[in-house]
Protein backbone atom coordinates (compact mmCIF):
# COMPACT_ATOMS: atom_id res chain seq x y z
CA MET A 1 -108.60 40.12 -3.39
CA LYS A 2 -105.41 41.61 -2.63
CA LEU A 3 -102.31 39.09 -4.34
CA GLN A 4 -99.68 38.74 -1.44
CA LYS A 5 -95.70 38.31 -2.25
CA GLY A 6 -93.04 37.05 -0.28
CA PHE A 7 -92.20 34.18 1.86
CA THR A 8 -93.97 33.13 5.51
CA LEU A 9 -91.66 33.22 8.42
CA VAL A 10 -92.53 29.01 8.55
CA GLU A 11 -90.89 29.00 5.17
CA LEU A 12 -87.80 30.83 6.10
CA LEU A 13 -87.42 28.80 9.09
CA ILE A 14 -87.62 25.72 7.00
CA VAL A 15 -84.20 27.08 4.70
CA VAL A 16 -82.71 28.27 7.56
CA ALA A 17 -82.59 24.86 9.47
CA ILE A 18 -81.93 23.08 6.29
CA MET A 19 -79.06 25.47 6.07
CA GLY A 20 -77.64 25.05 9.18
CA ILE A 21 -77.83 20.71 9.06
CA LEU A 22 -75.90 20.99 5.68
CA ALA A 23 -73.27 23.38 7.16
CA SER A 24 -72.85 20.92 10.23
CA VAL A 25 -72.13 18.34 7.39
CA ALA A 26 -69.89 20.11 5.72
CA TYR A 27 -67.98 22.10 7.83
CA PRO A 28 -66.00 18.84 9.33
CA ALA A 29 -65.21 17.44 6.16
CA TYR A 30 -63.53 20.42 4.76
CA SER A 31 -61.71 20.81 8.14
CA ASP A 32 -59.99 17.53 7.29
CA TYR A 33 -59.43 18.39 3.92
CA VAL A 34 -58.32 21.85 5.03
CA ILE A 35 -55.44 19.33 7.23
CA ARG A 36 -54.57 16.39 4.18
CA GLY A 37 -53.13 19.94 2.31
CA LYS A 38 -51.08 20.47 5.07
CA ILE A 39 -49.69 17.07 5.98
CA ALA A 40 -48.20 17.38 2.18
CA GLU A 41 -45.65 19.37 3.59
CA ALA A 42 -44.47 17.35 6.00
CA THR A 43 -44.46 14.62 3.87
CA SER A 44 -43.10 16.25 0.87
CA GLY A 45 -40.39 18.28 3.19
CA LEU A 46 -38.87 14.85 4.47
CA ALA A 47 -39.08 13.27 0.75
CA SER A 48 -36.92 15.88 -0.56
CA THR A 49 -34.47 15.75 2.70
CA ARG A 50 -34.12 12.37 2.48
CA ILE A 51 -32.84 12.67 -1.48
CA LEU A 52 -30.18 15.31 0.04
CA MET A 53 -28.95 13.08 2.73
CA GLU A 54 -28.31 10.43 0.20
CA GLN A 55 -26.81 12.61 -1.78
CA ALA A 56 -24.30 13.88 0.74
CA PHE A 57 -23.89 10.28 1.70
CA GLN A 58 -22.84 9.58 -1.49
CA ASP A 59 -19.95 12.08 -1.66
CA ASN A 60 -18.77 11.98 1.88
CA ARG A 61 -19.66 7.60 2.91
CA THR A 62 -21.44 9.68 6.12
CA TYR A 63 -24.68 11.27 6.79
CA ALA A 64 -22.35 13.21 9.39
CA GLY A 65 -22.34 16.99 8.27
CA ALA A 66 -24.62 16.82 5.91
CA ALA A 67 -26.42 20.57 4.88
CA ALA A 68 -29.47 18.80 4.46
CA CYS A 69 -29.53 17.90 8.01
CA ASN A 70 -30.03 20.99 9.53
CA ALA A 71 -32.99 21.82 11.40
CA SER A 72 -35.90 24.40 9.61
CA ALA A 73 -39.25 25.26 9.95
CA GLY A 74 -42.26 25.21 7.24
CA LYS A 75 -45.64 26.91 7.89
CA TYR A 76 -47.06 23.96 9.43
CA PHE A 77 -44.14 21.67 10.11
CA ASN A 78 -40.43 21.93 12.21
CA PHE A 79 -37.83 19.54 10.56
CA THR A 80 -35.56 18.03 12.72
CA CYS A 81 -32.28 15.65 11.73
CA ALA A 82 -30.49 12.94 13.98
CA VAL A 83 -27.57 11.40 12.70
CA GLY A 84 -26.80 7.86 14.13
CA ALA A 85 -23.17 7.88 16.51
CA ALA A 86 -20.47 6.01 14.48
CA PRO A 87 -19.35 5.04 12.27
CA LEU A 88 -22.37 7.45 11.29
CA ASN A 89 -24.39 5.37 8.80
CA THR A 90 -27.67 6.21 10.09
CA TYR A 91 -30.64 9.02 10.37
CA THR A 92 -33.81 9.83 11.03
CA LEU A 93 -35.53 12.75 9.84
CA THR A 94 -38.26 14.18 11.60
CA ALA A 95 -41.48 16.71 10.91
CA THR A 96 -43.25 18.02 14.12
CA GLY A 97 -46.47 19.79 13.44
CA THR A 98 -46.99 23.54 14.56
CA GLY A 99 -49.86 25.39 15.18
CA THR A 100 -53.12 24.17 13.48
CA MET A 101 -50.69 20.32 12.88
CA ALA A 102 -49.47 19.95 16.78
CA GLY A 103 -50.50 16.40 17.01
CA PHE A 104 -49.26 15.58 13.87
CA ASN A 105 -45.97 14.31 13.81
CA TYR A 106 -43.94 12.31 11.31
CA SER A 107 -40.62 10.54 10.49
CA LEU A 108 -38.68 8.83 8.32
CA ASP A 109 -34.96 6.88 8.40
CA GLN A 110 -32.40 5.82 6.21
CA ASN A 111 -34.09 2.53 4.82
CA ASN A 112 -36.77 4.86 4.29
CA THR A 113 -38.96 3.56 6.70
CA LYS A 114 -41.93 6.00 7.24
CA THR A 115 -43.54 6.30 10.79
CA SER A 116 -46.50 7.94 11.80
CA ASN A 117 -47.71 9.39 15.04
CA THR A 118 -51.01 11.71 14.62
CA THR A 119 -54.29 12.33 15.92
CA TRP A 120 -55.41 10.74 13.32
CA GLY A 121 -53.93 7.47 14.49
CA THR A 122 -50.44 5.96 14.50
CA SER A 123 -48.45 3.71 11.75
CA ALA A 124 -44.75 2.09 12.17
CA SER A 125 -44.91 1.49 8.81
CA CYS A 126 -46.65 4.44 6.97
CA TRP A 127 -47.58 8.47 6.81
CA VAL A 128 -51.07 8.77 8.24
CA THR A 129 -52.66 11.07 5.53
CA LYS A 130 -56.55 10.69 6.45
CA LYS A 131 -58.65 10.37 9.20
CA GLY A 132 -59.15 7.01 10.70
CA GLY A 133 -55.39 6.13 10.27
CA VAL A 134 -55.35 5.84 6.67
CA CYS A 135 -52.02 5.71 5.01
């Protein structure tokens, strides 16, 4: 008798099927993980800009003309600032998603009220950072 080595076609098809099932489960979880990593740009950018706005208010007793209020663009988000009308003691900072992050919008005001309007959910009291509207 001759000894045969190698895999049969059925064994190879089973391995390919298992790999396909694993990939179909892993890819959505991975893409959500990547998006959560990109959200950090918006939340940290808004938080650090808020600190600069409060420092400007302490120096000038107004938010008007604060250097931190200039519009800027990050890698995944555009940042804007709106100062309220007289006596100019209000502001709203906004991070609007661009490119792969389109549909993710976060904002922060002078009272530290965090709001979000994302494809994952909407909240008037916190920043949605996980799928399902979880803050």
